[in-house]
């Protein structure tokens, strides 16, 4: 048996889920995808958040960062129709560019516009 997707509290980035699986599921098979150049993030909002409006805010905050943050070559945010509330897909020139994006001042500032909406996050970075 495999668990196809694992949700975790925003910021844990899956490590808590992997730890839980290893401690609670005998012979658990865990596939953890990390690397570059692409990235996928699926997030759910807190109770009471207007999902359609929140997706617009996330997209308006993050999509314009393409061309402003070195190495970020593509970003799209769409409202999800099952599971999480929205999906974010991004592409980077390299693993180093992805790592730099995470702490770039423009990215950190953009997150202040929507971070407070988020309840759950699932993320995977992978090579395209």
C-alpha atoms as a PDB file:
ATOM      1  CA  UNK A   1       0.000   0.000   0.000  1.00  0.00           C
ATOM      2  CA  UNK A   2       1.102   3.528  -0.751  1.00  0.00           C
ATOM      3  CA  UNK A   3      -0.141   6.875   0.446  1.00  0.00           C
ATOM      4  CA  UNK A   4      -0.315   9.051  -2.656  1.00  0.00           C
ATOM      5  CA  UNK A   5      -0.419  12.461  -1.006  1.00  0.00           C
ATOM      6  CA  UNK A   6       0.307  13.580   2.522  1.00  0.00           C
ATOM      7  CA  UNK A   7      -0.872  16.863   4.065  1.00  0.00           C
ATOM      8  CA  UNK A   8       1.025  18.687   6.770  1.00  0.00           C
ATOM      9  CA  UNK A   9       0.851  21.891   8.741  1.00  0.00           C
ATOM     10  CA  UNK A  10       2.219  24.817   6.723  1.00  0.00           C
ATOM     11  CA  UNK A  11       5.962  25.043   7.206  1.00  0.00           C
ATOM     12  CA  UNK A  12       6.597  21.363   7.984  1.00  0.00           C
ATOM     13  CA  UNK A  13       7.020  20.660   4.237  1.00  0.00           C
ATOM     14  CA  UNK A  14       6.229  17.001   4.726  1.00  0.00           C
ATOM     15  CA  UNK A  15       8.938  16.068   7.219  1.00  0.00           C
ATOM     16  CA  UNK A  16       6.403  15.610  10.006  1.00  0.00           C
ATOM     17  CA  UNK A  17       4.300  13.384   7.741  1.00  0.00           C
ATOM     18  CA  UNK A  18       7.307  11.232   6.830  1.00  0.00           C
ATOM     19  CA  UNK A  19       8.278  10.917  10.505  1.00  0.00           C
ATOM     20  CA  UNK A  20       4.701   9.943  11.419  1.00  0.00           C
ATOM     21  CA  UNK A  21       4.596   7.310   8.678  1.00  0.00           C
ATOM     22  CA  UNK A  22       7.890   5.787   9.770  1.00  0.00           C
ATOM     23  CA  UNK A  23       6.684   5.580  13.385  1.00  0.00           C
ATOM     24  CA  UNK A  24       3.088   4.461  12.778  1.00  0.00           C
ATOM     25  CA  UNK A  25       2.903   2.418   9.583  1.00  0.00           C
ATOM     26  CA  UNK A  26       4.766  -0.869   9.613  1.00  0.00           C
ATOM     27  CA  UNK A  27       6.846  -1.351   6.452  1.00  0.00           C
ATOM     28  CA  UNK A  28       5.750   2.047   5.160  1.00  0.00           C
ATOM     29  CA  UNK A  29       6.902   2.845   1.657  1.00  0.00           C
ATOM     30  CA  UNK A  30       7.541   6.567   1.386  1.00  0.00           C
ATOM     31  CA  UNK A  31       8.341   8.334  -1.866  1.00  0.00           C
ATOM     32  CA  UNK A  32       9.748  11.785  -1.131  1.00  0.00           C
ATOM     33  CA  UNK A  33      10.439  13.931  -4.161  1.00  0.00           C
ATOM     34  CA  UNK A  34      12.998  16.710  -3.796  1.00  0.00           C
ATOM     35  CA  UNK A  35      15.329  18.551  -6.129  1.00  0.00           C
ATOM     36  CA  UNK A  36      14.851  21.004  -8.984  1.00  0.00           C
ATOM     37  CA  UNK A  37      13.830  22.397 -11.470  1.00  0.00           C
ATOM     38  CA  UNK A  38      10.062  22.247 -11.001  1.00  0.00           C
ATOM     39  CA  UNK A  39       7.926  22.570  -7.955  1.00  0.00           C
ATOM     40  CA  UNK A  40       4.364  21.847  -7.049  1.00  0.00           C
ATOM     41  CA  UNK A  41       2.557  23.142  -3.996  1.00  0.00           C
ATOM     42  CA  UNK A  42      -0.987  22.331  -2.961  1.00  0.00           C
ATOM     43  CA  UNK A  43      -2.498  24.269  -0.085  1.00  0.00           C
ATOM     44  CA  UNK A  44      -5.779  24.419   1.796  1.00  0.00           C
ATOM     45  CA  UNK A  45      -7.188  27.534   3.412  1.00  0.00           C
ATOM     46  CA  UNK A  46      -8.405  28.036   6.940  1.00  0.00           C
ATOM     47  CA  UNK A  47     -12.109  27.735   7.678  1.00  0.00           C
ATOM     48  CA  UNK A  48     -14.109  30.772   6.542  1.00  0.00           C
ATOM     49  CA  UNK A  49     -11.671  32.032   3.877  1.00  0.00           C
ATOM     50  CA  UNK A  50     -13.285  32.996   0.545  1.00  0.00           C
ATOM     51  CA  UNK A  51     -11.420  30.498  -1.635  1.00  0.00           C
ATOM     52  CA  UNK A  52     -11.954  32.148  -5.020  1.00  0.00           C
ATOM     53  CA  UNK A  53     -10.813  35.523  -3.698  1.00  0.00           C
ATOM     54  CA  UNK A  54      -7.853  33.984  -1.878  1.00  0.00           C
ATOM     55  CA  UNK A  55      -6.628  32.279  -5.070  1.00  0.00           C
ATOM     56  CA  UNK A  56      -6.715  35.652  -6.840  1.00  0.00           C
ATOM     57  CA  UNK A  57      -4.641  37.187  -4.032  1.00  0.00           C
ATOM     58  CA  UNK A  58      -2.077  34.354  -4.115  1.00  0.00           C
ATOM     59  CA  UNK A  59      -1.783  34.587  -7.919  1.00  0.00           C
ATOM     60  CA  UNK A  60      -1.507  38.393  -7.862  1.00  0.00           C
ATOM     61  CA  UNK A  61       1.209  38.151  -5.190  1.00  0.00           C
ATOM     62  CA  UNK A  62       3.360  35.381  -6.681  1.00  0.00           C
ATOM     63  CA  UNK A  63       2.953  35.268 -10.473  1.00  0.00           C
ATOM     64  CA  UNK A  64       4.504  38.745 -11.014  1.00  0.00           C
ATOM     65  CA  UNK A  65       7.722  37.509  -9.352  1.00  0.00           C
ATOM     66  CA  UNK A  66       8.705  35.817 -12.634  1.00  0.00           C
ATOM     67  CA  UNK A  67      11.386  38.055 -14.147  1.00  0.00           C
ATOM     68  CA  UNK A  68      12.019  39.765 -10.805  1.00  0.00           C
ATOM     69  CA  UNK A  69      13.607  36.860  -8.907  1.00  0.00           C
ATOM     70  CA  UNK A  70      16.668  35.389 -10.633  1.00  0.00           C
ATOM     71  CA  UNK A  71      16.152  31.818 -11.823  1.00  0.00           C
ATOM     72  CA  UNK A  72      12.342  31.771 -11.465  1.00  0.00           C
ATOM     73  CA  UNK A  73      11.161  31.113 -15.023  1.00  0.00           C
ATOM     74  CA  UNK A  74       7.477  30.203 -14.625  1.00  0.00           C
ATOM     75  CA  UNK A  75       4.749  30.432 -11.983  1.00  0.00           C
ATOM     76  CA  UNK A  76       1.047  29.647 -12.166  1.00  0.00           C
ATOM     77  CA  UNK A  77      -1.595  29.414  -9.476  1.00  0.00           C
ATOM     78  CA  UNK A  78      -5.011  27.844 -10.083  1.00  0.00           C
ATOM     79  CA  UNK A  79      -7.987  26.994  -7.908  1.00  0.00           C
ATOM     80  CA  UNK A  80      -8.143  23.229  -7.418  1.00  0.00           C
ATOM     81  CA  UNK A  81     -11.374  21.343  -7.978  1.00  0.00           C
ATOM     82  CA  UNK A  82     -10.646  18.495  -5.565  1.00  0.00           C
ATOM     83  CA  UNK A  83      -8.435  17.944  -2.553  1.00  0.00           C
ATOM     84  CA  UNK A  84      -6.640  21.152  -1.701  1.00  0.00           C
ATOM     85  CA  UNK A  85      -7.957  24.648  -2.419  1.00  0.00           C
ATOM     86  CA  UNK A  86      -5.300  25.704  -4.932  1.00  0.00           C
ATOM     87  CA  UNK A  87      -2.330  24.398  -6.840  1.00  0.00           C
ATOM     88  CA  UNK A  88       0.876  26.288  -7.548  1.00  0.00           C
ATOM     89  CA  UNK A  89       3.272  25.177 -10.269  1.00  0.00           C
ATOM     90  CA  UNK A  90       6.665  26.816 -10.697  1.00  0.00           C
ATOM     91  CA  UNK A  91       9.837  26.300 -12.704  1.00  0.00           C
ATOM     92  CA  UNK A  92      13.394  27.329 -11.868  1.00  0.00           C
ATOM     93  CA  UNK A  93      16.664  27.355 -13.796  1.00  0.00           C
ATOM     94  CA  UNK A  94      18.436  25.236 -11.172  1.00  0.00           C
ATOM     95  CA  UNK A  95      18.255  23.741  -7.692  1.00  0.00           C
ATOM     96  CA  UNK A  96      20.253  26.735  -6.482  1.00  0.00           C
ATOM     97  CA  UNK A  97      17.672  29.144  -7.943  1.00  0.00           C
ATOM     98  CA  UNK A  98      14.870  27.247  -6.177  1.00  0.00           C
ATOM     99  CA  UNK A  99      16.755  27.418  -2.874  1.00  0.00           C
ATOM    100  CA  UNK A 100      17.427  31.158  -3.316  1.00  0.00           C
ATOM    101  CA  UNK A 101      13.751  31.800  -4.163  1.00  0.00           C
ATOM    102  CA  UNK A 102      12.624  30.413  -0.801  1.00  0.00           C
ATOM    103  CA  UNK A 103      14.407  33.196   1.088  1.00  0.00           C
ATOM    104  CA  UNK A 104      14.351  35.969  -1.518  1.00  0.00           C
ATOM    105  CA  UNK A 105      12.996  39.240  -0.020  1.00  0.00           C
ATOM    106  CA  UNK A 106      10.373  39.656  -2.788  1.00  0.00           C
ATOM    107  CA  UNK A 107       9.035  36.133  -2.156  1.00  0.00           C
ATOM    108  CA  UNK A 108       8.964  36.667   1.603  1.00  0.00           C
ATOM    109  CA  UNK A 109       7.103  39.964   1.137  1.00  0.00           C
ATOM    110  CA  UNK A 110       4.603  38.359  -1.278  1.00  0.00           C
ATOM    111  CA  UNK A 111       3.800  35.648   1.274  1.00  0.00           C
ATOM    112  CA  UNK A 112       2.651  38.287   3.783  1.00  0.00           C
ATOM    113  CA  UNK A 113      -0.408  38.900   1.577  1.00  0.00           C
ATOM    114  CA  UNK A 114      -1.760  35.346   1.866  1.00  0.00           C
ATOM    115  CA  UNK A 115       0.246  33.285   4.369  1.00  0.00           C
ATOM    116  CA  UNK A 116      -2.355  33.922   7.076  1.00  0.00           C
ATOM    117  CA  UNK A 117      -5.036  32.169   4.927  1.00  0.00           C
ATOM    118  CA  UNK A 118      -3.241  28.810   4.880  1.00  0.00           C
ATOM    119  CA  UNK A 119      -4.033  25.791   7.011  1.00  0.00           C
ATOM    120  CA  UNK A 120      -2.415  22.843   5.189  1.00  0.00           C
ATOM    121  CA  UNK A 121       0.384  22.458   2.665  1.00  0.00           C
ATOM    122  CA  UNK A 122       1.757  19.645   0.504  1.00  0.00           C
ATOM    123  CA  UNK A 123       4.826  20.395  -1.604  1.00  0.00           C
ATOM    124  CA  UNK A 124       7.157  18.528  -3.933  1.00  0.00           C
ATOM    125  CA  UNK A 125      10.227  19.753  -5.751  1.00  0.00           C
ATOM    126  CA  UNK A 126      11.426  17.648  -8.655  1.00  0.00           C
ATOM    127  CA  UNK A 127      13.581  17.595 -11.754  1.00  0.00           C
ATOM    128  CA  UNK A 128      11.727  18.246 -15.000  1.00  0.00           C
END
